[in-house]
Amino acid sequence: QVLLVESGGGLVQPGGSLRLSCAISGISFRLFALAWYRQAPGKEREFVAHISSGGTTNYVESVKGRFTISRDNDKNTMYLQMNSLKSEDTAVYYCTVNHAWGQGTQVTVSS
């Protein structure tokens, strides 16, 4: 059974930073592509960032240059470094691998 556990969310002021983590177990972590999605209140879940098994990354346009996705294959953990946060980044952030999802972590950007 695949288990994903997100952490690192919280309340931050505009312009601030947060680092989300996603610990994954139950799969051969290094073989799989990973991704982050988010869902803002009243909106559909949207793609944020993706990292291939080989480390190639891609991002939704709205976070390019501000967010960085990475992975540590020794720790079976994925990260999302979020800098220069904006109010529109407020959402529940989810990690996903091979059709499995974590429970989500709340990120609130507000002064």
C-alpha atoms as a PDB file:
ATOM      1  CA  GLN A   1       0.000   0.000   0.000  1.00  0.00           C
ATOM      2  CA  VAL A   2       1.346   3.384  -1.009  1.00  0.00           C
ATOM      3  CA  LEU A   3       1.386   5.969   1.771  1.00  0.00           C
ATOM      4  CA  LEU A   4       2.078   9.676   1.242  1.00  0.00           C
ATOM      5  CA  VAL A   5       2.397  12.084   4.156  1.00  0.00           C
ATOM      6  CA  GLU A   6       2.719  15.825   3.505  1.00  0.00           C
ATOM      7  CA  SER A   7       4.077  18.308   6.022  1.00  0.00           C
ATOM      8  CA  GLY A   8       5.405  21.847   6.172  1.00  0.00           C
ATOM      9  CA  GLY A   9       2.304  23.888   5.483  1.00  0.00           C
ATOM     10  CA  GLY A  10       1.267  26.869   7.556  1.00  0.00           C
ATOM     11  CA  LEU A  11       0.528  30.582   7.641  1.00  0.00           C
ATOM     12  CA  VAL A  12       3.037  32.897   5.988  1.00  0.00           C
ATOM     13  CA  GLN A  13       3.028  36.548   4.984  1.00  0.00           C
ATOM     14  CA  PRO A  14       3.136  37.589   1.331  1.00  0.00           C
ATOM     15  CA  GLY A  15       6.699  37.412   0.077  1.00  0.00           C
ATOM     16  CA  GLY A  16       7.594  34.707   2.546  1.00  0.00           C
ATOM     17  CA  SER A  17       8.757  31.145   2.041  1.00  0.00           C
ATOM     18  CA  LEU A  18       7.716  27.638   3.000  1.00  0.00           C
ATOM     19  CA  ARG A  19       9.095  24.191   2.240  1.00  0.00           C
ATOM     20  CA  LEU A  20       6.659  21.330   1.881  1.00  0.00           C
ATOM     21  CA  SER A  21       7.749  17.733   2.308  1.00  0.00           C
ATOM     22  CA  CYS A  22       6.101  14.519   1.148  1.00  0.00           C
ATOM     23  CA  ALA A  23       7.321  11.269   2.652  1.00  0.00           C
ATOM     24  CA  ILE A  24       6.356   8.279   0.512  1.00  0.00           C
ATOM     25  CA  SER A  25       6.413   4.599   1.376  1.00  0.00           C
ATOM     26  CA  GLY A  26       5.169   1.395  -0.197  1.00  0.00           C
ATOM     27  CA  ILE A  27       6.704   1.882  -3.654  1.00  0.00           C
ATOM     28  CA  SER A  28      10.114   1.776  -5.321  1.00  0.00           C
ATOM     29  CA  PHE A  29      10.408   5.513  -4.890  1.00  0.00           C
ATOM     30  CA  ARG A  30      13.293   6.171  -7.256  1.00  0.00           C
ATOM     31  CA  LEU A  31      11.465   4.593 -10.212  1.00  0.00           C
ATOM     32  CA  PHE A  32       8.449   6.916 -10.195  1.00  0.00           C
ATOM     33  CA  ALA A  33       7.643  10.421 -11.306  1.00  0.00           C
ATOM     34  CA  LEU A  34       6.193  12.620  -8.573  1.00  0.00           C
ATOM     35  CA  ALA A  35       4.004  15.699  -8.541  1.00  0.00           C
ATOM     36  CA  TRP A  36       2.441  18.418  -6.428  1.00  0.00           C
ATOM     37  CA  TYR A  37      -1.088  19.688  -6.934  1.00  0.00           C
ATOM     38  CA  ARG A  38      -3.101  22.269  -5.043  1.00  0.00           C
ATOM     39  CA  GLN A  39      -6.731  23.127  -4.476  1.00  0.00           C
ATOM     40  CA  ALA A  40      -7.849  26.604  -3.501  1.00  0.00           C
ATOM     41  CA  PRO A  41     -11.249  27.221  -1.862  1.00  0.00           C
ATOM     42  CA  GLY A  42     -14.036  26.952  -4.414  1.00  0.00           C
ATOM     43  CA  LYS A  43     -11.668  25.884  -7.188  1.00  0.00           C
ATOM     44  CA  GLU A  44     -10.684  22.643  -8.861  1.00  0.00           C
ATOM     45  CA  ARG A  45      -7.457  20.878  -7.994  1.00  0.00           C
ATOM     46  CA  GLU A  46      -4.662  22.108 -10.249  1.00  0.00           C
ATOM     47  CA  PHE A  47      -1.221  20.909 -11.228  1.00  0.00           C
ATOM     48  CA  VAL A  48       1.705  22.742  -9.638  1.00  0.00           C
ATOM     49  CA  ALA A  49       4.947  20.879 -10.354  1.00  0.00           C
ATOM     50  CA  HIS A  50       6.281  17.562 -11.577  1.00  0.00           C
ATOM     51  CA  ILE A  51       9.609  15.771 -11.291  1.00  0.00           C
ATOM     52  CA  SER A  52      10.526  12.713 -13.320  1.00  0.00           C
ATOM     53  CA  SER A  53      12.421   9.723 -11.996  1.00  0.00           C
ATOM     54  CA  GLY A  54      15.492  11.208 -13.637  1.00  0.00           C
ATOM     55  CA  GLY A  55      15.022  14.624 -12.058  1.00  0.00           C
ATOM     56  CA  THR A  56      13.515  16.570 -14.947  1.00  0.00           C
ATOM     57  CA  THR A  57      11.100  19.184 -13.664  1.00  0.00           C
ATOM     58  CA  ASN A  58       8.226  21.234 -14.985  1.00  0.00           C
ATOM     59  CA  TYR A  59       5.896  23.775 -13.420  1.00  0.00           C
ATOM     60  CA  VAL A  60       2.630  25.556 -13.945  1.00  0.00           C
ATOM     61  CA  GLU A  61       3.374  28.984 -15.371  1.00  0.00           C
ATOM     62  CA  SER A  62       2.143  30.856 -12.288  1.00  0.00           C
ATOM     63  CA  VAL A  63       4.861  29.397 -10.024  1.00  0.00           C
ATOM     64  CA  LYS A  64       7.836  29.325 -12.394  1.00  0.00           C
ATOM     65  CA  GLY A  65      10.828  31.074 -10.862  1.00  0.00           C
ATOM     66  CA  ARG A  66       9.281  30.961  -7.371  1.00  0.00           C
ATOM     67  CA  PHE A  67       8.759  27.263  -6.604  1.00  0.00           C
ATOM     68  CA  THR A  68      11.280  24.430  -6.825  1.00  0.00           C
ATOM     69  CA  ILE A  69      10.387  20.747  -6.759  1.00  0.00           C
ATOM     70  CA  SER A  70      13.047  18.250  -5.724  1.00  0.00           C
ATOM     71  CA  ARG A  71      13.425  14.688  -4.546  1.00  0.00           C
ATOM     72  CA  ASP A  72      15.722  12.731  -2.249  1.00  0.00           C
ATOM     73  CA  ASN A  73      15.750   9.120  -3.358  1.00  0.00           C
ATOM     74  CA  ASP A  74      17.676   8.054  -0.252  1.00  0.00           C
ATOM     75  CA  LYS A  75      14.992   9.473   2.044  1.00  0.00           C
ATOM     76  CA  ASN A  76      11.981   8.583  -0.157  1.00  0.00           C
ATOM     77  CA  THR A  77      10.901  12.182   0.177  1.00  0.00           C
ATOM     78  CA  MET A  78       9.812  14.897  -2.233  1.00  0.00           C
ATOM     79  CA  TYR A  79       9.968  18.608  -1.530  1.00  0.00           C
ATOM     80  CA  LEU A  80       8.409  21.823  -2.766  1.00  0.00           C
ATOM     81  CA  GLN A  81      10.359  24.957  -1.915  1.00  0.00           C
ATOM     82  CA  MET A  82       8.024  27.917  -2.246  1.00  0.00           C
ATOM     83  CA  ASN A  83       9.468  31.418  -2.295  1.00  0.00           C
ATOM     84  CA  SER A  84       7.950  34.852  -2.906  1.00  0.00           C
ATOM     85  CA  LEU A  85       4.577  33.524  -1.868  1.00  0.00           C
ATOM     86  CA  LYS A  86       1.444  35.362  -2.942  1.00  0.00           C
ATOM     87  CA  SER A  87      -2.089  35.340  -1.584  1.00  0.00           C
ATOM     88  CA  GLU A  88      -3.180  33.400  -4.654  1.00  0.00           C
ATOM     89  CA  ASP A  89      -0.911  30.535  -3.584  1.00  0.00           C
ATOM     90  CA  THR A  90      -3.263  29.872  -0.682  1.00  0.00           C
ATOM     91  CA  ALA A  91      -4.526  26.317  -1.074  1.00  0.00           C
ATOM     92  CA  VAL A  92      -4.335  22.790   0.209  1.00  0.00           C
ATOM     93  CA  TYR A  93      -1.247  21.215  -1.359  1.00  0.00           C
ATOM     94  CA  TYR A  94      -1.222  17.529  -2.258  1.00  0.00           C
ATOM     95  CA  CYS A  95       1.571  15.220  -3.340  1.00  0.00           C
ATOM     96  CA  THR A  96       0.875  12.347  -5.685  1.00  0.00           C
ATOM     97  CA  VAL A  97       2.595   9.310  -7.134  1.00  0.00           C
ATOM     98  CA  ASN A  98       1.207   6.539  -9.318  1.00  0.00           C
ATOM     99  CA  HIS A  99      -2.436   7.608  -8.753  1.00  0.00           C
ATOM    100  CA  ALA A 100      -2.030   7.704  -4.959  1.00  0.00           C
ATOM    101  CA  TRP A 101      -2.531  10.952  -3.028  1.00  0.00           C
ATOM    102  CA  GLY A 102      -1.558  12.348   0.313  1.00  0.00           C
ATOM    103  CA  GLN A 103      -3.995  13.937   2.743  1.00  0.00           C
ATOM    104  CA  GLY A 104      -2.893  17.457   1.905  1.00  0.00           C
ATOM    105  CA  THR A 105      -1.287  20.285   3.839  1.00  0.00           C
ATOM    106  CA  GLN A 106      -2.774  23.767   4.150  1.00  0.00           C
ATOM    107  CA  VAL A 107      -0.786  26.760   2.940  1.00  0.00           C
ATOM    108  CA  THR A 108      -2.205  30.169   3.791  1.00  0.00           C
ATOM    109  CA  VAL A 109      -0.554  33.345   2.526  1.00  0.00           C
ATOM    110  CA  SER A 110      -1.930  36.357   4.328  1.00  0.00           C
ATOM    111  CA  SER A 111      -0.822  39.468   6.146  1.00  0.00           C
END
